[in-house]
Amino acid sequence: MGLPTMKPGNEAKLAEIFRVVLDVDNDYDVISVRRVAEPRWDSLAHTSIVAAAESEFGIELEIADMDRMSSFTATRLLLEEKGL
């Protein structure tokens, strides 16, 4: 069994969540964004990313899941593991 992959369209939805919350242009490279390196990703932005992901994908994230969301890539992997 290989690594999970995100369903078509979901990565674009996730990228849009990051762009809106972090208030960046459409050409901003959200795929490489990491919380420790992005000054706009503060605690309020993190909470907003979590809430938007829960709403967009119809899921409820645990505290441990939220802690894992340290980058776009880590968030994508988490959602892939949840079957999205």
C-alpha atoms as a PDB file:
ATOM      1  CA  MET A   1       0.000   0.000   0.000  1.00  0.00           C
ATOM      2  CA  GLY A   2       1.488   3.339  -1.090  1.00  0.00           C
ATOM      3  CA  LEU A   3       1.338   6.731   0.504  1.00  0.00           C
ATOM      4  CA  PRO A   4      -2.085   8.329   0.551  1.00  0.00           C
ATOM      5  CA  THR A   5      -2.718  11.032  -2.021  1.00  0.00           C
ATOM      6  CA  MET A   6      -5.118  13.894  -1.777  1.00  0.00           C
ATOM      7  CA  LYS A   7      -8.335  13.604  -3.765  1.00  0.00           C
ATOM      8  CA  PRO A   8      -8.499  15.787  -6.894  1.00  0.00           C
ATOM      9  CA  GLY A   9      -9.370  19.387  -6.092  1.00  0.00           C
ATOM     10  CA  ASN A  10      -8.702  19.144  -2.368  1.00  0.00           C
ATOM     11  CA  GLU A  11      -5.114  20.388  -2.594  1.00  0.00           C
ATOM     12  CA  ALA A  12      -6.328  23.464  -4.472  1.00  0.00           C
ATOM     13  CA  LYS A  13      -8.976  24.055  -1.793  1.00  0.00           C
ATOM     14  CA  LEU A  14      -6.336  23.729   0.931  1.00  0.00           C
ATOM     15  CA  ALA A  15      -3.991  26.105  -0.917  1.00  0.00           C
ATOM     16  CA  GLU A  16      -6.817  28.638  -1.173  1.00  0.00           C
ATOM     17  CA  ILE A  17      -7.436  28.381   2.596  1.00  0.00           C
ATOM     18  CA  PHE A  18      -3.769  29.159   3.230  1.00  0.00           C
ATOM     19  CA  ARG A  19      -3.767  32.076   0.747  1.00  0.00           C
ATOM     20  CA  VAL A  20      -6.889  33.642   2.236  1.00  0.00           C
ATOM     21  CA  VAL A  21      -5.867  33.203   5.879  1.00  0.00           C
ATOM     22  CA  LEU A  22      -2.288  34.376   5.324  1.00  0.00           C
ATOM     23  CA  ASP A  23      -3.552  37.187   3.051  1.00  0.00           C
ATOM     24  CA  VAL A  24      -1.177  36.467   0.175  1.00  0.00           C
ATOM     25  CA  ASP A  25      -1.481  36.693  -3.614  1.00  0.00           C
ATOM     26  CA  ASN A  26      -2.520  33.751  -5.787  1.00  0.00           C
ATOM     27  CA  ASP A  27       1.049  33.378  -7.051  1.00  0.00           C
ATOM     28  CA  TYR A  28       2.443  32.992  -3.506  1.00  0.00           C
ATOM     29  CA  ASP A  29       4.044  29.553  -3.044  1.00  0.00           C
ATOM     30  CA  VAL A  30       1.930  28.152  -0.198  1.00  0.00           C
ATOM     31  CA  ILE A  31       3.212  24.623  -0.809  1.00  0.00           C
ATOM     32  CA  SER A  32       6.544  25.481   0.808  1.00  0.00           C
ATOM     33  CA  VAL A  33       5.135  27.644   3.624  1.00  0.00           C
ATOM     34  CA  ARG A  34       6.119  26.644   7.164  1.00  0.00           C
ATOM     35  CA  ARG A  35       4.711  28.115  10.354  1.00  0.00           C
ATOM     36  CA  VAL A  36       8.109  28.896  11.897  1.00  0.00           C
ATOM     37  CA  ALA A  37       9.257  30.772   8.781  1.00  0.00           C
ATOM     38  CA  GLU A  38       6.058  32.695   7.949  1.00  0.00           C
ATOM     39  CA  PRO A  39       5.496  35.780  10.149  1.00  0.00           C
ATOM     40  CA  ARG A  40       1.827  36.012   9.083  1.00  0.00           C
ATOM     41  CA  TRP A  41       1.196  32.511  10.487  1.00  0.00           C
ATOM     42  CA  ASP A  42       0.562  33.491  14.096  1.00  0.00           C
ATOM     43  CA  SER A  43      -1.745  31.793  16.594  1.00  0.00           C
ATOM     44  CA  LEU A  44      -4.843  33.518  15.170  1.00  0.00           C
ATOM     45  CA  ALA A  45      -3.912  32.474  11.625  1.00  0.00           C
ATOM     46  CA  HIS A  46      -3.340  28.912  12.834  1.00  0.00           C
ATOM     47  CA  THR A  47      -6.767  28.805  14.452  1.00  0.00           C
ATOM     48  CA  SER A  48      -8.275  30.218  11.254  1.00  0.00           C
ATOM     49  CA  ILE A  49      -6.550  27.584   9.093  1.00  0.00           C
ATOM     50  CA  VAL A  50      -7.848  24.839  11.392  1.00  0.00           C
ATOM     51  CA  ALA A  51     -11.408  26.229  11.401  1.00  0.00           C
ATOM     52  CA  ALA A  52     -11.435  26.734   7.628  1.00  0.00           C
ATOM     53  CA  ALA A  53     -10.121  23.210   6.986  1.00  0.00           C
ATOM     54  CA  GLU A  54     -12.746  21.721   9.315  1.00  0.00           C
ATOM     55  CA  SER A  55     -15.501  23.680   7.590  1.00  0.00           C
ATOM     56  CA  GLU A  56     -14.305  23.095   4.010  1.00  0.00           C
ATOM     57  CA  PHE A  57     -13.679  19.371   4.407  1.00  0.00           C
ATOM     58  CA  GLY A  58     -16.433  18.535   6.918  1.00  0.00           C
ATOM     59  CA  ILE A  59     -14.085  17.134   9.558  1.00  0.00           C
ATOM     60  CA  GLU A  60     -13.329  17.687  13.219  1.00  0.00           C
ATOM     61  CA  LEU A  61      -9.647  17.868  14.108  1.00  0.00           C
ATOM     62  CA  GLU A  62      -8.184  16.751  17.411  1.00  0.00           C
ATOM     63  CA  ILE A  63      -5.648  18.882  19.324  1.00  0.00           C
ATOM     64  CA  ALA A  64      -2.868  16.479  18.253  1.00  0.00           C
ATOM     65  CA  ASP A  65      -3.924  16.987  14.621  1.00  0.00           C
ATOM     66  CA  MET A  66      -3.789  20.763  15.035  1.00  0.00           C
ATOM     67  CA  ASP A  67      -0.293  20.518  16.495  1.00  0.00           C
ATOM     68  CA  ARG A  68       0.854  18.559  13.430  1.00  0.00           C
ATOM     69  CA  MET A  69      -0.232  21.380  11.128  1.00  0.00           C
ATOM     70  CA  SER A  70       3.192  23.041  11.093  1.00  0.00           C
ATOM     71  CA  SER A  71       3.401  23.553   7.322  1.00  0.00           C
ATOM     72  CA  PHE A  72       1.269  23.300   4.219  1.00  0.00           C
ATOM     73  CA  THR A  73       2.862  19.933   3.443  1.00  0.00           C
ATOM     74  CA  ALA A  74       2.217  18.581   6.951  1.00  0.00           C
ATOM     75  CA  THR A  75      -1.385  19.774   6.778  1.00  0.00           C
ATOM     76  CA  ARG A  76      -1.869  18.160   3.370  1.00  0.00           C
ATOM     77  CA  LEU A  77      -0.436  14.865   4.681  1.00  0.00           C
ATOM     78  CA  LEU A  78      -2.750  14.976   7.697  1.00  0.00           C
ATOM     79  CA  LEU A  79      -5.778  15.476   5.453  1.00  0.00           C
ATOM     80  CA  GLU A  80      -4.616  12.709   3.123  1.00  0.00           C
ATOM     81  CA  GLU A  81      -4.398  10.353   6.109  1.00  0.00           C
ATOM     82  CA  LYS A  82      -8.028  11.265   6.874  1.00  0.00           C
ATOM     83  CA  GLY A  83      -9.037  10.136   3.394  1.00  0.00           C
ATOM     84  CA  LEU A  84      -9.350  13.571   1.858  1.00  0.00           C
END
